N, C-alpha and C. Protein backbone atom coordinates (compact mmCIF):
# COMPACT_ATOMS: atom_id res chain seq x y z
N MET A 1 20.40 39.93 54.12
CA MET A 1 20.40 39.37 55.45
C MET A 1 21.68 38.83 55.89
N PRO A 2 22.06 38.80 57.14
CA PRO A 2 23.35 38.22 57.53
C PRO A 2 23.16 36.65 57.43
N LEU A 3 24.43 36.04 57.55
CA LEU A 3 24.46 34.58 57.33
C LEU A 3 23.59 33.80 58.27
N LEU A 4 23.54 34.11 59.57
CA LEU A 4 22.77 33.48 60.48
C LEU A 4 21.33 33.52 60.19
N ALA A 5 20.90 34.74 59.63
CA ALA A 5 19.56 34.86 59.32
C ALA A 5 19.14 33.98 58.10
N HIS A 6 20.09 33.77 57.19
CA HIS A 6 19.83 32.91 56.10
C HIS A 6 19.71 31.40 56.50
N LEU A 7 20.58 31.07 57.43
CA LEU A 7 20.54 29.73 58.00
C LEU A 7 19.29 29.45 58.73
N ASP A 8 18.81 30.45 59.43
CA ASP A 8 17.59 30.34 60.23
C ASP A 8 16.34 30.14 59.22
N GLU A 9 16.42 30.93 58.11
CA GLU A 9 15.27 30.76 57.17
C GLU A 9 15.39 29.31 56.47
N LEU A 10 16.64 28.88 56.18
CA LEU A 10 16.84 27.64 55.59
C LEU A 10 16.29 26.55 56.45
N ARG A 11 16.59 26.64 57.83
CA ARG A 11 16.10 25.64 58.75
C ARG A 11 14.52 25.74 58.79
N THR A 12 13.92 26.89 58.75
CA THR A 12 12.45 26.97 58.73
C THR A 12 11.85 26.24 57.60
N ARG A 13 12.37 26.54 56.36
CA ARG A 13 11.91 25.92 55.14
C ARG A 13 12.13 24.41 55.09
N LEU A 14 13.24 23.94 55.60
CA LEU A 14 13.45 22.51 55.73
C LEU A 14 12.42 21.77 56.75
N LEU A 15 12.14 22.48 57.80
CA LEU A 15 11.10 21.97 58.72
C LEU A 15 9.69 21.99 58.04
N ARG A 16 9.44 22.94 57.14
CA ARG A 16 8.11 22.89 56.53
C ARG A 16 8.08 21.74 55.45
N ILE A 17 9.19 21.57 54.83
CA ILE A 17 9.25 20.46 53.87
C ILE A 17 9.00 19.04 54.57
N VAL A 18 9.69 18.87 55.75
CA VAL A 18 9.53 17.67 56.62
C VAL A 18 8.14 17.61 56.93
N ALA A 19 7.45 18.56 57.42
CA ALA A 19 6.07 18.54 57.79
C ALA A 19 5.17 18.10 56.71
N VAL A 20 5.28 18.66 55.54
CA VAL A 20 4.49 18.37 54.38
C VAL A 20 4.82 16.93 54.02
N PHE A 21 6.08 16.55 53.98
CA PHE A 21 6.39 15.07 53.65
C PHE A 21 5.79 14.16 54.63
N THR A 22 5.76 14.48 55.86
CA THR A 22 5.12 13.61 56.91
C THR A 22 3.65 13.37 56.69
N VAL A 23 2.92 14.47 56.32
CA VAL A 23 1.55 14.38 56.05
C VAL A 23 1.34 13.41 54.78
N LEU A 24 2.11 13.68 53.81
CA LEU A 24 1.96 12.86 52.52
C LEU A 24 2.31 11.43 52.88
N LEU A 25 3.28 11.26 53.73
CA LEU A 25 3.78 9.84 54.09
C LEU A 25 2.49 9.16 54.84
N CYS A 26 1.82 9.73 55.68
CA CYS A 26 0.67 9.20 56.34
C CYS A 26 -0.44 8.86 55.40
N LEU A 27 -0.70 9.82 54.44
CA LEU A 27 -1.73 9.57 53.45
C LEU A 27 -1.31 8.36 52.53
N SER A 28 -0.06 8.30 52.17
CA SER A 28 0.36 7.26 51.34
C SER A 28 0.32 5.91 52.02
N TRP A 29 0.47 5.94 53.34
CA TRP A 29 0.43 4.64 54.08
C TRP A 29 -0.98 3.96 53.83
N VAL A 30 -1.97 4.72 53.83
CA VAL A 30 -3.35 4.16 53.63
C VAL A 30 -3.43 3.27 52.30
N TRP A 31 -2.62 3.66 51.28
CA TRP A 31 -2.70 2.80 50.09
C TRP A 31 -1.34 2.13 49.91
N SER A 32 -0.66 1.86 50.97
CA SER A 32 0.74 1.31 50.75
C SER A 32 0.79 -0.04 50.06
N ASP A 33 -0.24 -0.91 50.30
CA ASP A 33 -0.31 -2.12 49.67
C ASP A 33 -0.42 -2.04 48.08
N ASP A 34 -1.28 -1.17 47.57
CA ASP A 34 -1.42 -1.01 46.17
C ASP A 34 -0.17 -0.31 45.63
N ILE A 35 0.41 0.65 46.46
CA ILE A 35 1.68 1.39 45.97
C ILE A 35 2.70 0.35 45.82
N LEU A 36 2.92 -0.53 46.74
CA LEU A 36 4.01 -1.56 46.70
C LEU A 36 3.83 -2.51 45.51
N HIS A 37 2.57 -2.96 45.33
CA HIS A 37 2.33 -3.87 44.18
C HIS A 37 2.56 -3.19 42.86
N PHE A 38 2.19 -1.90 42.83
CA PHE A 38 2.41 -1.11 41.54
C PHE A 38 3.92 -0.95 41.29
N LEU A 39 4.66 -0.65 42.36
CA LEU A 39 6.11 -0.45 42.19
C LEU A 39 6.82 -1.67 41.78
N LEU A 40 6.41 -2.83 42.30
CA LEU A 40 7.04 -4.17 41.98
C LEU A 40 6.60 -4.76 40.73
N ARG A 41 5.66 -4.14 40.03
CA ARG A 41 5.12 -4.75 38.85
C ARG A 41 6.08 -4.97 37.69
N PRO A 42 7.00 -4.01 37.42
CA PRO A 42 7.99 -4.25 36.29
C PRO A 42 8.87 -5.36 36.65
N ILE A 43 9.15 -5.56 37.94
CA ILE A 43 10.07 -6.78 38.37
C ILE A 43 9.19 -8.07 38.36
N GLY A 44 7.95 -7.88 38.75
CA GLY A 44 7.10 -9.11 38.85
C GLY A 44 6.73 -9.73 37.51
N GLU A 45 6.93 -8.87 36.32
CA GLU A 45 6.76 -9.48 35.07
C GLU A 45 7.73 -10.52 34.73
N HIS A 46 8.96 -10.46 35.36
CA HIS A 46 9.96 -11.45 35.11
C HIS A 46 10.27 -12.36 36.36
N ILE A 47 9.90 -11.82 37.52
CA ILE A 47 9.96 -12.66 38.72
C ILE A 47 8.67 -12.54 39.38
N HIS A 48 7.91 -13.53 39.52
CA HIS A 48 6.52 -13.43 40.00
C HIS A 48 6.55 -12.96 41.46
N GLU A 49 5.73 -12.03 41.81
CA GLU A 49 5.71 -11.36 43.06
C GLU A 49 5.59 -12.39 44.19
N GLY A 50 4.83 -13.47 43.90
CA GLY A 50 4.62 -14.48 44.93
C GLY A 50 5.84 -15.26 45.20
N SER A 51 6.94 -15.17 44.40
CA SER A 51 8.12 -15.87 44.63
C SER A 51 9.15 -15.04 45.40
N LEU A 52 8.82 -13.78 45.64
CA LEU A 52 9.63 -12.91 46.46
C LEU A 52 9.62 -13.36 47.84
N VAL A 53 10.81 -13.43 48.52
CA VAL A 53 10.86 -13.92 49.85
C VAL A 53 11.37 -12.80 50.70
N TYR A 54 11.11 -12.94 52.16
CA TYR A 54 11.65 -12.02 53.03
C TYR A 54 12.24 -12.87 54.19
N ILE A 55 13.27 -12.29 54.82
CA ILE A 55 14.08 -12.97 55.77
C ILE A 55 13.74 -12.61 57.20
N HIS A 56 13.52 -11.32 57.43
CA HIS A 56 13.23 -10.90 58.79
C HIS A 56 11.69 -10.61 58.92
N LEU A 57 11.17 -10.84 60.13
CA LEU A 57 9.73 -10.66 60.28
C LEU A 57 9.28 -9.17 60.12
N THR A 58 10.16 -8.20 60.37
CA THR A 58 9.77 -6.84 60.18
C THR A 58 9.97 -6.36 58.86
N GLU A 59 10.50 -7.17 57.92
CA GLU A 59 10.80 -6.70 56.63
C GLU A 59 9.61 -6.20 55.80
N PRO A 60 8.48 -6.95 55.79
CA PRO A 60 7.36 -6.38 55.08
C PRO A 60 6.85 -5.04 55.50
N PHE A 61 6.80 -4.84 56.88
CA PHE A 61 6.38 -3.54 57.43
C PHE A 61 7.38 -2.45 56.99
N VAL A 62 8.69 -2.73 57.00
CA VAL A 62 9.60 -1.74 56.63
C VAL A 62 9.47 -1.42 55.11
N ILE A 63 9.28 -2.44 54.33
CA ILE A 63 9.12 -2.24 52.87
C ILE A 63 7.84 -1.38 52.49
N TYR A 64 6.72 -1.78 53.23
CA TYR A 64 5.62 -0.92 53.01
C TYR A 64 5.75 0.50 53.36
N MET A 65 6.57 0.72 54.51
CA MET A 65 6.79 2.10 54.94
C MET A 65 7.69 2.85 53.90
N LYS A 66 8.64 2.15 53.36
CA LYS A 66 9.57 2.74 52.37
C LYS A 66 8.75 3.04 51.04
N ALA A 67 7.88 2.16 50.69
CA ALA A 67 7.04 2.36 49.52
C ALA A 67 6.14 3.64 49.71
N SER A 68 5.62 3.82 50.84
CA SER A 68 4.88 5.00 51.19
C SER A 68 5.77 6.27 51.15
N ALA A 69 6.96 6.12 51.67
CA ALA A 69 7.86 7.21 51.70
C ALA A 69 8.27 7.57 50.21
N LEU A 70 8.40 6.56 49.41
CA LEU A 70 8.80 6.82 47.96
C LEU A 70 7.73 7.55 47.25
N MET A 71 6.43 7.24 47.48
CA MET A 71 5.29 7.96 46.87
C MET A 71 5.22 9.33 47.40
N ALA A 72 5.42 9.51 48.75
CA ALA A 72 5.42 10.82 49.32
C ALA A 72 6.52 11.64 48.79
N THR A 73 7.64 11.12 48.41
CA THR A 73 8.72 11.99 47.91
C THR A 73 8.33 12.53 46.53
N PHE A 74 7.76 11.73 45.68
CA PHE A 74 7.30 12.14 44.42
C PHE A 74 6.23 13.21 44.50
N LEU A 75 5.23 12.93 45.44
CA LEU A 75 4.22 13.90 45.64
C LEU A 75 4.71 15.26 46.21
N CYS A 76 5.87 15.14 46.98
CA CYS A 76 6.36 16.40 47.62
C CYS A 76 7.27 17.20 46.80
N VAL A 77 7.59 16.75 45.52
CA VAL A 77 8.55 17.49 44.73
C VAL A 77 8.07 18.90 44.48
N PRO A 78 6.79 19.10 44.08
CA PRO A 78 6.37 20.50 43.75
C PRO A 78 6.53 21.41 44.99
N TYR A 79 6.28 20.93 46.21
CA TYR A 79 6.36 21.77 47.32
C TYR A 79 7.88 22.03 47.65
N VAL A 80 8.69 21.08 47.46
CA VAL A 80 10.13 21.25 47.69
C VAL A 80 10.65 22.35 46.76
N LEU A 81 10.33 22.21 45.46
CA LEU A 81 10.75 23.19 44.49
C LEU A 81 10.20 24.63 44.90
N TRP A 82 9.03 24.72 45.33
CA TRP A 82 8.44 25.95 45.76
C TRP A 82 9.24 26.60 46.93
N GLU A 83 9.55 25.75 47.85
CA GLU A 83 10.37 26.20 48.98
C GLU A 83 11.76 26.69 48.62
N VAL A 84 12.34 25.96 47.69
CA VAL A 84 13.66 26.25 47.08
C VAL A 84 13.59 27.60 46.41
N TRP A 85 12.50 27.84 45.62
CA TRP A 85 12.28 29.13 44.89
C TRP A 85 12.12 30.19 45.87
N LEU A 86 11.32 30.14 46.93
CA LEU A 86 11.20 31.18 47.87
C LEU A 86 12.42 31.48 48.59
N PHE A 87 13.33 30.54 48.74
CA PHE A 87 14.64 30.73 49.35
C PHE A 87 15.54 31.59 48.57
N VAL A 88 15.60 31.37 47.23
CA VAL A 88 16.53 32.00 46.40
C VAL A 88 15.92 33.24 45.70
N ALA A 89 14.56 33.48 45.69
CA ALA A 89 13.97 34.46 45.04
C ALA A 89 14.37 35.89 45.47
N PRO A 90 14.62 36.13 46.73
CA PRO A 90 15.03 37.47 47.13
C PRO A 90 16.41 37.85 46.43
N GLY A 91 17.21 36.95 46.02
CA GLY A 91 18.46 37.25 45.35
C GLY A 91 18.36 37.42 43.90
N LEU A 92 17.08 37.31 43.32
CA LEU A 92 16.93 37.41 41.91
C LEU A 92 16.38 38.82 41.41
N TYR A 93 16.55 39.13 40.24
CA TYR A 93 15.96 40.35 39.68
C TYR A 93 14.52 40.16 39.49
N ARG A 94 13.79 41.32 39.52
CA ARG A 94 12.36 41.22 39.30
C ARG A 94 11.92 40.44 38.02
N SER A 95 12.71 40.63 36.97
CA SER A 95 12.39 39.97 35.69
C SER A 95 12.61 38.48 35.78
N GLU A 96 13.58 38.08 36.67
CA GLU A 96 13.97 36.68 36.84
C GLU A 96 12.84 35.96 37.74
N ARG A 97 12.18 36.74 38.61
CA ARG A 97 11.22 36.10 39.52
C ARG A 97 9.96 35.66 38.74
N ARG A 98 9.76 36.10 37.44
CA ARG A 98 8.65 35.73 36.66
C ARG A 98 8.84 34.25 36.21
N TRP A 99 9.98 33.65 36.41
CA TRP A 99 10.25 32.27 36.01
C TRP A 99 9.81 31.35 36.96
N VAL A 100 9.01 31.68 37.95
CA VAL A 100 8.63 30.75 39.10
C VAL A 100 7.70 29.64 38.47
N VAL A 101 6.64 30.07 37.62
CA VAL A 101 5.83 29.01 37.21
C VAL A 101 6.57 28.04 36.27
N PRO A 102 7.37 28.53 35.26
CA PRO A 102 8.12 27.57 34.49
C PRO A 102 9.13 26.63 35.26
N PHE A 103 9.73 27.27 36.30
CA PHE A 103 10.65 26.51 37.18
C PHE A 103 9.84 25.45 37.86
N LEU A 104 8.78 25.70 38.47
CA LEU A 104 7.93 24.67 39.18
C LEU A 104 7.45 23.64 38.32
N ALA A 105 6.86 24.10 37.12
CA ALA A 105 6.24 23.11 36.11
C ALA A 105 7.40 22.22 35.57
N ALA A 106 8.47 22.84 35.11
CA ALA A 106 9.54 22.02 34.46
C ALA A 106 10.22 21.10 35.42
N GLY A 107 10.45 21.54 36.73
CA GLY A 107 11.11 20.73 37.61
C GLY A 107 10.22 19.61 38.04
N THR A 108 8.91 19.78 38.21
CA THR A 108 8.01 18.75 38.57
C THR A 108 7.86 17.73 37.42
N LEU A 109 7.69 18.23 36.27
CA LEU A 109 7.50 17.31 35.12
C LEU A 109 8.71 16.52 34.78
N CYS A 110 9.88 17.14 35.00
CA CYS A 110 11.24 16.37 34.69
C CYS A 110 11.40 15.29 35.77
N PHE A 111 11.11 15.64 37.01
CA PHE A 111 11.25 14.58 38.02
C PHE A 111 10.23 13.44 37.86
N ALA A 112 8.97 13.84 37.50
CA ALA A 112 8.04 12.70 37.32
C ALA A 112 8.37 12.01 35.96
N GLY A 113 8.88 12.65 34.95
CA GLY A 113 9.23 12.00 33.73
C GLY A 113 10.41 11.07 33.85
N GLY A 114 11.35 11.48 34.81
CA GLY A 114 12.42 10.57 35.04
C GLY A 114 12.02 9.31 35.81
N GLY A 115 11.09 9.55 36.75
CA GLY A 115 10.53 8.26 37.37
C GLY A 115 9.79 7.43 36.50
N ALA A 116 9.04 8.00 35.56
CA ALA A 116 8.28 7.17 34.54
C ALA A 116 9.14 6.49 33.63
N PHE A 117 10.27 7.14 33.18
CA PHE A 117 11.31 6.45 32.36
C PHE A 117 11.94 5.25 33.14
N GLY A 118 12.23 5.48 34.42
CA GLY A 118 12.77 4.40 35.18
C GLY A 118 11.78 3.22 35.34
N TYR A 119 10.50 3.58 35.48
CA TYR A 119 9.48 2.51 35.72
C TYR A 119 9.14 1.72 34.45
N TYR A 120 9.03 2.43 33.39
CA TYR A 120 8.49 1.75 32.14
C TYR A 120 9.50 1.35 31.15
N VAL A 121 10.84 1.93 31.33
CA VAL A 121 11.92 1.59 30.35
C VAL A 121 13.08 1.02 31.02
N ALA A 122 13.67 1.76 32.08
CA ALA A 122 14.89 1.33 32.60
C ALA A 122 14.80 -0.07 33.39
N THR A 123 13.81 -0.07 34.30
CA THR A 123 13.68 -1.24 35.03
C THR A 123 13.36 -2.55 34.24
N PRO A 124 12.42 -2.53 33.35
CA PRO A 124 12.12 -3.70 32.59
C PRO A 124 13.34 -4.26 31.78
N TYR A 125 14.05 -3.31 31.18
CA TYR A 125 15.24 -3.70 30.41
C TYR A 125 16.36 -4.31 31.27
N ALA A 126 16.58 -3.58 32.38
CA ALA A 126 17.56 -4.13 33.32
C ALA A 126 17.23 -5.48 33.95
N VAL A 127 15.97 -5.60 34.40
CA VAL A 127 15.64 -6.80 34.99
C VAL A 127 15.56 -7.98 33.99
N ARG A 128 15.11 -7.70 32.84
CA ARG A 128 15.11 -8.80 31.81
C ARG A 128 16.46 -9.27 31.50
N TRP A 129 17.50 -8.36 31.45
CA TRP A 129 18.90 -8.74 31.18
C TRP A 129 19.43 -9.46 32.36
N LEU A 130 19.25 -9.00 33.64
CA LEU A 130 19.79 -9.63 34.73
C LEU A 130 19.20 -10.99 35.01
N VAL A 131 17.83 -11.15 34.85
CA VAL A 131 17.22 -12.44 35.00
C VAL A 131 17.69 -13.42 33.90
N GLY A 132 17.94 -12.88 32.74
CA GLY A 132 18.50 -13.79 31.64
C GLY A 132 19.81 -14.34 31.92
N LEU A 133 20.68 -13.52 32.69
CA LEU A 133 21.95 -14.02 33.02
C LEU A 133 21.89 -15.22 33.99
N GLY A 134 20.88 -15.21 34.82
CA GLY A 134 20.73 -16.31 35.82
C GLY A 134 19.65 -17.32 35.52
N GLU A 135 19.33 -17.42 34.23
CA GLU A 135 18.20 -18.36 33.93
C GLU A 135 18.45 -19.82 34.19
N GLY A 136 19.77 -20.09 34.28
CA GLY A 136 20.11 -21.51 34.62
C GLY A 136 20.14 -21.80 36.07
N PHE A 137 19.72 -20.88 36.94
CA PHE A 137 19.63 -21.09 38.34
C PHE A 137 18.32 -20.78 38.94
N GLN A 138 17.99 -21.31 40.06
CA GLN A 138 16.68 -21.01 40.81
C GLN A 138 16.89 -19.61 41.47
N ALA A 139 15.96 -18.70 41.12
CA ALA A 139 16.02 -17.34 41.69
C ALA A 139 15.37 -17.39 43.09
N ALA A 140 15.98 -16.70 44.05
CA ALA A 140 15.42 -16.49 45.41
C ALA A 140 15.58 -15.03 45.70
N VAL A 141 14.82 -14.16 45.08
CA VAL A 141 15.01 -12.75 45.22
C VAL A 141 14.23 -12.27 46.43
N THR A 142 14.89 -11.44 47.26
CA THR A 142 14.12 -10.94 48.49
C THR A 142 13.36 -9.81 48.18
N LEU A 143 12.32 -9.57 49.08
CA LEU A 143 11.49 -8.42 48.85
C LEU A 143 12.37 -7.17 49.03
N ARG A 144 13.23 -7.17 49.93
CA ARG A 144 14.00 -6.01 50.22
C ARG A 144 14.91 -5.64 49.02
N SER A 145 15.56 -6.66 48.40
CA SER A 145 16.45 -6.34 47.27
C SER A 145 15.58 -5.85 46.05
N ALA A 146 14.43 -6.46 45.84
CA ALA A 146 13.63 -6.04 44.66
C ALA A 146 13.22 -4.60 44.83
N PHE A 147 12.70 -4.28 46.04
CA PHE A 147 12.20 -2.92 46.24
C PHE A 147 13.44 -1.87 46.23
N GLN A 148 14.60 -2.24 46.79
CA GLN A 148 15.71 -1.34 46.70
C GLN A 148 16.17 -1.12 45.21
N PHE A 149 16.17 -2.16 44.44
CA PHE A 149 16.49 -1.96 43.02
C PHE A 149 15.49 -0.93 42.42
N GLN A 150 14.18 -1.20 42.59
CA GLN A 150 13.25 -0.33 41.96
C GLN A 150 13.33 1.13 42.45
N SER A 151 13.34 1.27 43.73
CA SER A 151 13.37 2.61 44.31
C SER A 151 14.59 3.46 43.88
N ARG A 152 15.74 2.79 43.75
CA ARG A 152 16.89 3.47 43.40
C ARG A 152 16.77 3.90 41.86
N MET A 153 16.10 3.00 41.10
CA MET A 153 15.89 3.24 39.64
C MET A 153 15.05 4.47 39.53
N LEU A 154 13.95 4.53 40.33
CA LEU A 154 13.00 5.66 40.10
C LEU A 154 13.65 6.97 40.72
N LEU A 155 14.05 7.00 41.88
CA LEU A 155 14.73 8.23 42.48
C LEU A 155 15.95 8.66 41.59
N GLY A 156 16.78 7.70 41.18
CA GLY A 156 17.94 8.02 40.38
C GLY A 156 17.56 8.70 39.00
N MET A 157 16.62 8.07 38.36
CA MET A 157 16.14 8.74 37.02
C MET A 157 15.43 10.05 37.35
N GLY A 158 14.68 10.16 38.40
CA GLY A 158 14.06 11.43 38.67
C GLY A 158 15.05 12.55 38.89
N ALA A 159 16.14 12.23 39.60
CA ALA A 159 17.15 13.19 39.79
C ALA A 159 17.90 13.55 38.56
N VAL A 160 18.15 12.47 37.79
CA VAL A 160 18.93 12.62 36.49
C VAL A 160 18.13 13.61 35.57
N PHE A 161 16.82 13.41 35.49
CA PHE A 161 16.11 14.24 34.57
C PHE A 161 15.97 15.70 35.02
N GLU A 162 16.49 16.06 36.14
CA GLU A 162 16.54 17.41 36.61
C GLU A 162 17.73 18.16 35.96
N LEU A 163 18.64 17.42 35.37
CA LEU A 163 19.86 17.98 34.94
C LEU A 163 19.68 19.26 33.97
N PRO A 164 18.86 19.15 32.86
CA PRO A 164 18.65 20.36 32.07
C PRO A 164 18.20 21.61 32.82
N ILE A 165 17.26 21.28 33.89
CA ILE A 165 16.71 22.47 34.63
C ILE A 165 17.96 23.16 35.43
N VAL A 166 18.76 22.32 35.94
CA VAL A 166 19.98 22.81 36.73
C VAL A 166 20.86 23.59 35.85
N ILE A 167 21.18 23.07 34.70
CA ILE A 167 22.08 23.73 33.70
C ILE A 167 21.43 25.00 33.29
N PHE A 168 20.19 25.00 32.93
CA PHE A 168 19.50 26.22 32.47
C PHE A 168 19.59 27.32 33.56
N PHE A 169 19.34 27.01 34.79
CA PHE A 169 19.26 28.09 35.77
C PHE A 169 20.70 28.51 36.15
N LEU A 170 21.68 27.61 36.05
CA LEU A 170 23.02 28.06 36.13
C LEU A 170 23.41 29.04 35.16
N SER A 171 22.99 28.83 33.91
CA SER A 171 23.19 29.76 32.89
C SER A 171 22.47 31.12 33.10
N ARG A 172 21.26 31.00 33.63
CA ARG A 172 20.52 32.26 33.95
C ARG A 172 21.29 33.07 34.92
N LEU A 173 21.96 32.37 35.93
CA LEU A 173 22.71 33.07 36.95
C LEU A 173 24.10 33.52 36.45
N GLY A 174 24.46 33.14 35.23
CA GLY A 174 25.74 33.52 34.61
C GLY A 174 26.89 32.77 35.20
N LEU A 175 26.56 31.58 35.85
CA LEU A 175 27.67 30.75 36.40
C LEU A 175 28.36 29.85 35.30
N VAL A 176 27.63 29.59 34.30
CA VAL A 176 28.07 28.77 33.18
C VAL A 176 27.62 29.31 31.84
N THR A 177 28.32 28.99 30.77
CA THR A 177 28.02 29.35 29.47
C THR A 177 27.98 28.18 28.49
N PRO A 178 27.37 28.18 27.42
CA PRO A 178 27.34 27.04 26.47
C PRO A 178 28.81 26.65 26.00
N GLY A 179 29.66 27.67 25.77
CA GLY A 179 30.99 27.41 25.41
C GLY A 179 31.75 26.66 26.53
N PHE A 180 31.56 27.13 27.76
CA PHE A 180 32.19 26.39 28.87
C PHE A 180 31.76 25.03 28.99
N LEU A 181 30.49 24.82 28.78
CA LEU A 181 29.89 23.46 28.92
C LEU A 181 30.41 22.47 27.94
N MET A 182 30.57 23.01 26.76
CA MET A 182 31.02 22.14 25.59
C MET A 182 32.56 21.91 25.69
N ARG A 183 33.29 22.93 26.08
CA ARG A 183 34.72 22.75 26.22
C ARG A 183 35.08 21.68 27.30
N HIS A 184 34.20 21.49 28.20
CA HIS A 184 34.44 20.51 29.28
C HIS A 184 33.57 19.31 29.18
N PHE A 185 33.10 19.03 27.88
CA PHE A 185 32.20 17.91 27.65
C PHE A 185 32.80 16.62 28.08
N GLN A 186 34.07 16.33 27.76
CA GLN A 186 34.78 15.11 28.13
C GLN A 186 34.74 14.90 29.60
N ILE A 187 35.00 16.02 30.28
CA ILE A 187 35.13 15.90 31.85
C ILE A 187 33.68 15.70 32.34
N ALA A 188 32.64 16.27 31.69
CA ALA A 188 31.18 16.02 32.06
C ALA A 188 30.87 14.57 31.90
N VAL A 189 31.33 14.00 30.73
CA VAL A 189 31.05 12.54 30.52
C VAL A 189 31.70 11.71 31.58
N LEU A 190 32.82 12.06 31.93
CA LEU A 190 33.52 11.28 32.99
C LEU A 190 32.71 11.33 34.36
N ILE A 191 32.31 12.53 34.67
CA ILE A 191 31.56 12.75 35.92
C ILE A 191 30.24 11.98 35.81
N ILE A 192 29.59 12.01 34.65
CA ILE A 192 28.31 11.30 34.50
C ILE A 192 28.57 9.83 34.64
N ALA A 193 29.72 9.26 34.11
CA ALA A 193 30.04 7.80 34.24
C ALA A 193 30.16 7.47 35.72
N ILE A 194 30.78 8.35 36.47
CA ILE A 194 30.99 8.11 37.86
C ILE A 194 29.74 8.13 38.64
N ALA A 195 28.96 9.19 38.22
CA ALA A 195 27.66 9.28 38.94
C ALA A 195 26.71 8.11 38.64
N ALA A 196 26.84 7.64 37.40
CA ALA A 196 25.90 6.45 36.97
C ALA A 196 26.36 5.24 37.77
N ALA A 197 27.70 5.13 38.01
CA ALA A 197 28.16 3.94 38.76
C ALA A 197 27.76 3.98 40.32
N LEU A 198 27.62 5.20 40.87
CA LEU A 198 27.27 5.40 42.18
C LEU A 198 25.66 5.19 42.31
N ILE A 199 25.01 5.63 41.30
CA ILE A 199 23.51 5.51 41.42
C ILE A 199 22.97 4.14 41.15
N THR A 200 23.66 3.51 40.27
CA THR A 200 23.22 2.17 39.69
C THR A 200 23.00 1.10 40.84
N PRO A 201 21.84 0.50 40.92
CA PRO A 201 21.65 -0.43 42.00
C PRO A 201 22.52 -1.60 42.00
N THR A 202 22.92 -2.17 40.86
CA THR A 202 23.68 -3.43 40.83
C THR A 202 25.07 -3.22 40.41
N GLY A 203 25.40 -2.12 39.73
CA GLY A 203 26.78 -1.87 39.26
C GLY A 203 27.11 -2.57 38.03
N ASP A 204 26.24 -3.23 37.25
CA ASP A 204 26.53 -3.86 36.04
C ASP A 204 26.57 -2.79 34.91
N ILE A 205 27.24 -3.29 33.79
CA ILE A 205 27.40 -2.35 32.65
C ILE A 205 26.11 -1.86 31.99
N LEU A 206 25.22 -2.74 31.85
CA LEU A 206 23.89 -2.36 31.17
C LEU A 206 23.26 -1.35 32.03
N THR A 207 22.96 -1.57 33.28
CA THR A 207 22.35 -0.66 34.13
C THR A 207 22.92 0.64 34.25
N MET A 208 24.38 0.70 34.33
CA MET A 208 25.08 1.92 34.21
C MET A 208 24.85 2.64 32.95
N SER A 209 24.83 1.91 31.85
CA SER A 209 24.57 2.57 30.53
C SER A 209 23.10 3.11 30.53
N ILE A 210 22.16 2.45 31.13
CA ILE A 210 20.74 2.98 31.17
C ILE A 210 20.74 4.32 31.84
N PHE A 211 21.60 4.61 32.86
CA PHE A 211 21.67 5.74 33.59
C PHE A 211 22.49 6.82 32.75
N ALA A 212 23.70 6.35 32.32
CA ALA A 212 24.63 7.29 31.76
C ALA A 212 24.10 7.83 30.36
N GLY A 213 23.42 6.97 29.51
CA GLY A 213 23.00 7.44 28.24
C GLY A 213 22.00 8.60 28.36
N PRO A 214 20.96 8.51 29.08
CA PRO A 214 20.08 9.65 29.26
C PRO A 214 20.67 10.81 29.92
N MET A 215 21.68 10.61 30.81
CA MET A 215 22.30 11.78 31.44
C MET A 215 23.17 12.55 30.40
N ILE A 216 23.80 11.86 29.49
CA ILE A 216 24.54 12.58 28.43
C ILE A 216 23.65 13.35 27.54
N VAL A 217 22.49 12.77 27.14
CA VAL A 217 21.52 13.51 26.24
C VAL A 217 20.96 14.58 26.98
N LEU A 218 20.62 14.47 28.30
CA LEU A 218 20.03 15.62 29.07
C LEU A 218 21.03 16.67 29.26
N TYR A 219 22.34 16.31 29.43
CA TYR A 219 23.40 17.29 29.43
C TYR A 219 23.35 18.21 28.22
N LEU A 220 23.36 17.54 27.04
CA LEU A 220 23.27 18.26 25.73
C LEU A 220 21.99 19.12 25.64
N ILE A 221 20.89 18.62 26.14
CA ILE A 221 19.63 19.43 26.11
C ILE A 221 19.81 20.64 26.96
N GLY A 222 20.48 20.51 28.13
CA GLY A 222 20.74 21.57 28.92
C GLY A 222 21.64 22.64 28.32
N VAL A 223 22.60 22.25 27.58
CA VAL A 223 23.56 23.03 26.92
C VAL A 223 22.80 23.76 25.78
N ALA A 224 21.95 23.17 25.12
CA ALA A 224 21.09 23.71 24.04
C ALA A 224 20.12 24.89 24.65
N ALA A 225 19.63 24.51 25.80
CA ALA A 225 18.81 25.57 26.53
C ALA A 225 19.61 26.68 26.90
N SER A 226 20.84 26.47 27.48
CA SER A 226 21.68 27.52 27.82
C SER A 226 22.07 28.40 26.53
N TRP A 227 22.30 27.79 25.42
CA TRP A 227 22.70 28.44 24.19
C TRP A 227 21.54 29.31 23.70
N LEU A 228 20.34 28.84 23.79
CA LEU A 228 19.23 29.61 23.27
C LEU A 228 19.02 30.84 24.15
N PHE A 229 19.11 30.65 25.47
CA PHE A 229 19.02 31.76 26.37
C PHE A 229 20.07 32.82 26.12
N ALA A 230 21.40 32.34 25.87
CA ALA A 230 22.49 33.20 25.55
C ALA A 230 22.20 34.09 24.37
N ARG A 231 21.68 33.34 23.25
CA ARG A 231 21.47 34.08 22.00
C ARG A 231 20.31 35.13 22.24
N ARG A 232 19.30 34.77 22.98
CA ARG A 232 18.11 35.68 23.20
C ARG A 232 18.59 36.90 24.07
N SER A 233 19.55 36.60 24.95
CA SER A 233 20.04 37.70 25.81
C SER A 233 20.93 38.63 24.91
């Protein structure tokens, strides 16, 4: 198809994603109170939720809406991956199109696994360390800052855990090779460190390390998957 036709198809698929996300957002709003308390639980273990304060009158409503949007984002991931696959599938060989189920399953599980890692591992360790630094002072954490910290943790880790999938499919398309990836490993570590600094909610060394460490491991997992595919080919 010509370029304008591709752009028109892309616009159509983006509109479909927005429509599905909107429906999931409305459904998540029904349970927004439970969702928000669940999201803040790792922080509440160290800072009691009742001690969280808000400054603006509209802040609770905005946070409830953002909590619903965060839940809708995780629920919408399989459909987003499906639309991405439908967009690129016409350019793949027939044998490559059979990877649709592994792509959808692996992409969804990796994103959900990243969110779970952020919720059960990254957030508790980071909050425990940060609260420990300020134990000599009275904490006055706002609802907005607590939710922003948690949401960036979950979304950041979800995106990070997609790295092996991205590397594997780049190798499937012949854009990268295991040798290329390992020869540029030092550059990859530098890029990972910069990305971790941008994703990190607070910018402290520990939280950056929590992001950078898994990213390096996931990069190597992606290289291993690329190497296995190259050997099989």
